[in-house]
Amino acid sequence: MRSVILYTLARLVLVAATAAILYLIGLSGLLNLALAFLISGIVSYVVLSRQRDQISVALTSKMRSRRQGTAGDASLAD
């Protein structure tokens, strides 16, 4: 869960930083917001790949443990 929160915070910081830079360049309004999301998405794809991998591993292991727990519960019912 911690990795998900950290990744989300990092994405929000990237969007805010990108929007601030675009605002300083002279863009404002909806165009600024749209470009900030687009540019930060591209940057986060490269910069935050390790965090994305950590989230993937955490979610995969959690799903496996849930499936094994469910399978164990079903075998107890037989």
N, C-alpha and C. Protein backbone atom coordinates (compact mmCIF):
# COMPACT_ATOMS: atom_id res chain seq x y z
N MET A 1 0.82 -1.20 0.00
CA MET A 1 0.00 0.00 0.00
C MET A 1 0.87 1.26 0.00
N ARG A 2 1.97 1.18 0.69
CA ARG A 2 2.86 2.34 0.76
C ARG A 2 3.40 2.72 -0.62
N SER A 3 3.72 1.71 -1.43
CA SER A 3 4.26 1.99 -2.76
C SER A 3 3.22 2.67 -3.65
N VAL A 4 1.96 2.33 -3.48
CA VAL A 4 0.89 2.97 -4.26
C VAL A 4 0.78 4.44 -3.87
N ILE A 5 0.84 4.72 -2.58
CA ILE A 5 0.73 6.11 -2.11
C ILE A 5 1.92 6.93 -2.59
N LEU A 6 3.12 6.37 -2.49
CA LEU A 6 4.31 7.09 -2.95
C LEU A 6 4.27 7.36 -4.45
N TYR A 7 3.82 6.39 -5.22
CA TYR A 7 3.72 6.57 -6.67
C TYR A 7 2.70 7.66 -7.01
N THR A 8 1.56 7.63 -6.32
CA THR A 8 0.52 8.63 -6.57
C THR A 8 1.02 10.03 -6.22
N LEU A 9 1.70 10.15 -5.09
CA LEU A 9 2.26 11.45 -4.71
C LEU A 9 3.30 11.93 -5.72
N ALA A 10 4.14 11.01 -6.19
CA ALA A 10 5.15 11.39 -7.18
C ALA A 10 4.49 11.86 -8.47
N ARG A 11 3.41 11.19 -8.90
CA ARG A 11 2.70 11.63 -10.10
C ARG A 11 2.10 13.01 -9.92
N LEU A 12 1.50 13.24 -8.74
CA LEU A 12 0.91 14.56 -8.47
C LEU A 12 1.96 15.66 -8.46
N VAL A 13 3.12 15.37 -7.89
CA VAL A 13 4.21 16.35 -7.87
C VAL A 13 4.68 16.64 -9.30
N LEU A 14 4.79 15.60 -10.12
CA LEU A 14 5.20 15.80 -11.51
C LEU A 14 4.19 16.66 -12.27
N VAL A 15 2.91 16.41 -12.07
CA VAL A 15 1.88 17.21 -12.75
C VAL A 15 1.96 18.66 -12.29
N ALA A 16 2.08 18.87 -10.98
CA ALA A 16 2.14 20.24 -10.45
C ALA A 16 3.38 20.97 -10.92
N ALA A 17 4.52 20.28 -10.92
CA ALA A 17 5.76 20.91 -11.37
C ALA A 17 5.69 21.25 -12.86
N THR A 18 5.15 20.35 -13.63
CA THR A 18 5.01 20.60 -15.07
C THR A 18 4.06 21.76 -15.33
N ALA A 19 2.96 21.81 -14.60
CA ALA A 19 2.00 22.91 -14.77
C ALA A 19 2.64 24.23 -14.36
N ALA A 20 3.44 24.22 -13.31
CA ALA A 20 4.11 25.45 -12.87
C ALA A 20 5.11 25.93 -13.92
N ILE A 21 5.86 25.02 -14.48
CA ILE A 21 6.83 25.39 -15.52
C ILE A 21 6.10 25.94 -16.74
N LEU A 22 5.02 25.29 -17.15
CA LEU A 22 4.26 25.78 -18.30
C LEU A 22 3.63 27.14 -18.02
N TYR A 23 3.22 27.36 -16.78
CA TYR A 23 2.66 28.66 -16.40
C TYR A 23 3.73 29.75 -16.50
N LEU A 24 4.93 29.42 -16.07
CA LEU A 24 6.03 30.39 -16.16
C LEU A 24 6.39 30.69 -17.61
N ILE A 25 6.21 29.73 -18.47
CA ILE A 25 6.46 29.94 -19.89
C ILE A 25 5.39 30.85 -20.50
N GLY A 26 4.19 30.82 -19.91
CA GLY A 26 3.15 31.70 -20.42
C GLY A 26 1.84 31.01 -20.74
N LEU A 27 1.76 29.72 -20.53
CA LEU A 27 0.52 29.00 -20.78
C LEU A 27 -0.35 29.03 -19.53
N SER A 28 -1.64 29.13 -19.74
CA SER A 28 -2.55 29.09 -18.60
C SER A 28 -3.85 28.43 -19.02
N GLY A 29 -4.68 28.15 -18.05
CA GLY A 29 -5.99 27.59 -18.33
C GLY A 29 -5.96 26.12 -18.67
N LEU A 30 -6.91 25.74 -19.49
CA LEU A 30 -7.11 24.35 -19.85
C LEU A 30 -5.93 23.79 -20.66
N LEU A 31 -5.35 24.62 -21.50
CA LEU A 31 -4.20 24.17 -22.29
C LEU A 31 -3.03 23.81 -21.38
N ASN A 32 -2.80 24.62 -20.36
CA ASN A 32 -1.74 24.34 -19.40
C ASN A 32 -1.99 22.99 -18.73
N LEU A 33 -3.21 22.78 -18.26
CA LEU A 33 -3.54 21.55 -17.57
C LEU A 33 -3.41 20.33 -18.48
N ALA A 34 -3.90 20.44 -19.69
CA ALA A 34 -3.82 19.32 -20.64
C ALA A 34 -2.37 18.97 -20.96
N LEU A 35 -1.57 19.99 -21.25
CA LEU A 35 -0.16 19.74 -21.55
C LEU A 35 0.60 19.24 -20.33
N ALA A 36 0.24 19.72 -19.14
CA ALA A 36 0.89 19.26 -17.92
C ALA A 36 0.65 17.77 -17.71
N PHE A 37 -0.59 17.31 -17.93
CA PHE A 37 -0.89 15.89 -17.79
C PHE A 37 -0.16 15.07 -18.85
N LEU A 38 -0.14 15.57 -20.08
CA LEU A 38 0.52 14.84 -21.16
C LEU A 38 2.03 14.73 -20.92
N ILE A 39 2.66 15.85 -20.64
CA ILE A 39 4.11 15.86 -20.46
C ILE A 39 4.51 15.08 -19.21
N SER A 40 3.78 15.27 -18.11
CA SER A 40 4.13 14.55 -16.88
C SER A 40 3.90 13.05 -17.04
N GLY A 41 2.93 12.67 -17.84
CA GLY A 41 2.71 11.25 -18.10
C GLY A 41 3.88 10.62 -18.83
N ILE A 42 4.41 11.34 -19.81
CA ILE A 42 5.58 10.85 -20.55
C ILE A 42 6.80 10.79 -19.64
N VAL A 43 7.00 11.83 -18.84
CA VAL A 43 8.14 11.87 -17.92
C VAL A 43 8.02 10.76 -16.87
N SER A 44 6.83 10.57 -16.33
CA SER A 44 6.66 9.55 -15.30
C SER A 44 6.85 8.15 -15.85
N TYR A 45 6.55 7.94 -17.11
CA TYR A 45 6.76 6.64 -17.73
C TYR A 45 8.23 6.23 -17.63
N VAL A 46 9.12 7.21 -17.78
CA VAL A 46 10.56 6.94 -17.72
C VAL A 46 11.07 7.02 -16.28
N VAL A 47 10.71 8.09 -15.58
CA VAL A 47 11.29 8.37 -14.27
C VAL A 47 10.73 7.44 -13.18
N LEU A 48 9.47 7.09 -13.26
CA LEU A 48 8.84 6.32 -12.19
C LEU A 48 8.67 4.84 -12.53
N SER A 49 9.46 4.32 -13.44
CA SER A 49 9.30 2.91 -13.83
C SER A 49 9.61 1.97 -12.67
N ARG A 50 10.58 2.29 -11.85
CA ARG A 50 10.91 1.43 -10.71
C ARG A 50 9.74 1.36 -9.72
N GLN A 51 9.12 2.51 -9.45
CA GLN A 51 7.98 2.53 -8.53
C GLN A 51 6.80 1.74 -9.10
N ARG A 52 6.58 1.85 -10.42
CA ARG A 52 5.51 1.09 -11.06
C ARG A 52 5.77 -0.41 -10.94
N ASP A 53 7.03 -0.82 -11.08
CA ASP A 53 7.39 -2.22 -10.93
C ASP A 53 7.14 -2.70 -9.51
N GLN A 54 7.44 -1.87 -8.52
CA GLN A 54 7.19 -2.24 -7.12
C GLN A 54 5.70 -2.42 -6.86
N ILE A 55 4.89 -1.55 -7.42
CA ILE A 55 3.44 -1.68 -7.26
C ILE A 55 2.96 -2.97 -7.91
N SER A 56 3.47 -3.28 -9.07
CA SER A 56 3.07 -4.49 -9.78
C SER A 56 3.41 -5.73 -8.96
N VAL A 57 4.60 -5.77 -8.40
CA VAL A 57 5.01 -6.92 -7.58
C VAL A 57 4.13 -7.03 -6.35
N ALA A 58 3.86 -5.91 -5.70
CA ALA A 58 3.03 -5.91 -4.48
C ALA A 58 1.61 -6.38 -4.79
N LEU A 59 1.03 -5.88 -5.86
CA LEU A 59 -0.34 -6.28 -6.21
C LEU A 59 -0.41 -7.74 -6.64
N THR A 60 0.58 -8.21 -7.37
CA THR A 60 0.61 -9.60 -7.80
C THR A 60 0.70 -10.55 -6.62
N SER A 61 1.59 -10.23 -5.68
CA SER A 61 1.73 -11.11 -4.51
C SER A 61 0.46 -11.07 -3.65
N LYS A 62 -0.17 -9.92 -3.55
CA LYS A 62 -1.40 -9.82 -2.76
C LYS A 62 -2.51 -10.65 -3.41
N MET A 63 -2.63 -10.58 -4.73
CA MET A 63 -3.65 -11.36 -5.42
C MET A 63 -3.39 -12.86 -5.28
N ARG A 64 -2.13 -13.26 -5.36
CA ARG A 64 -1.81 -14.68 -5.19
C ARG A 64 -2.17 -15.17 -3.80
N SER A 65 -1.86 -14.37 -2.80
CA SER A 65 -2.18 -14.79 -1.43
C SER A 65 -3.69 -14.87 -1.23
N ARG A 66 -4.44 -13.97 -1.83
CA ARG A 66 -5.90 -14.03 -1.72
C ARG A 66 -6.45 -15.26 -2.42
N ARG A 67 -5.91 -15.57 -3.59
CA ARG A 67 -6.38 -16.75 -4.32
C ARG A 67 -6.06 -18.02 -3.55
N GLN A 68 -4.87 -18.08 -2.97
CA GLN A 68 -4.51 -19.26 -2.19
C GLN A 68 -5.36 -19.38 -0.95
N GLY A 69 -5.69 -18.25 -0.34
CA GLY A 69 -6.56 -18.26 0.83
C GLY A 69 -7.95 -18.72 0.48
N THR A 70 -8.45 -18.28 -0.67
CA THR A 70 -9.78 -18.69 -1.13
C THR A 70 -9.78 -20.17 -1.47
N ALA A 71 -8.74 -20.66 -2.12
CA ALA A 71 -8.64 -22.07 -2.45
C ALA A 71 -8.54 -22.90 -1.18
N GLY A 72 -7.85 -22.41 -0.16
CA GLY A 72 -7.75 -23.12 1.11
C GLY A 72 -9.09 -23.17 1.81
N ASP A 73 -9.86 -22.10 1.74
CA ASP A 73 -11.18 -22.08 2.35
C ASP A 73 -12.12 -23.06 1.65
N ALA A 74 -12.01 -23.18 0.34
CA ALA A 74 -12.86 -24.07 -0.41
C ALA A 74 -12.53 -25.54 -0.09
N SER A 75 -11.26 -25.84 0.13
CA SER A 75 -10.88 -27.22 0.44
C SER A 75 -11.33 -27.59 1.84
N LEU A 76 -11.44 -26.62 2.75
CA LEU A 76 -11.93 -26.90 4.09
C LEU A 76 -13.42 -27.21 4.09
N ALA A 77 -14.15 -26.65 3.14
CA ALA A 77 -15.60 -26.85 3.07
C ALA A 77 -15.95 -28.25 2.57
N ASP A 78 -15.02 -28.90 1.86
CA ASP A 78 -15.30 -30.24 1.30
C ASP A 78 -15.31 -31.24 2.36
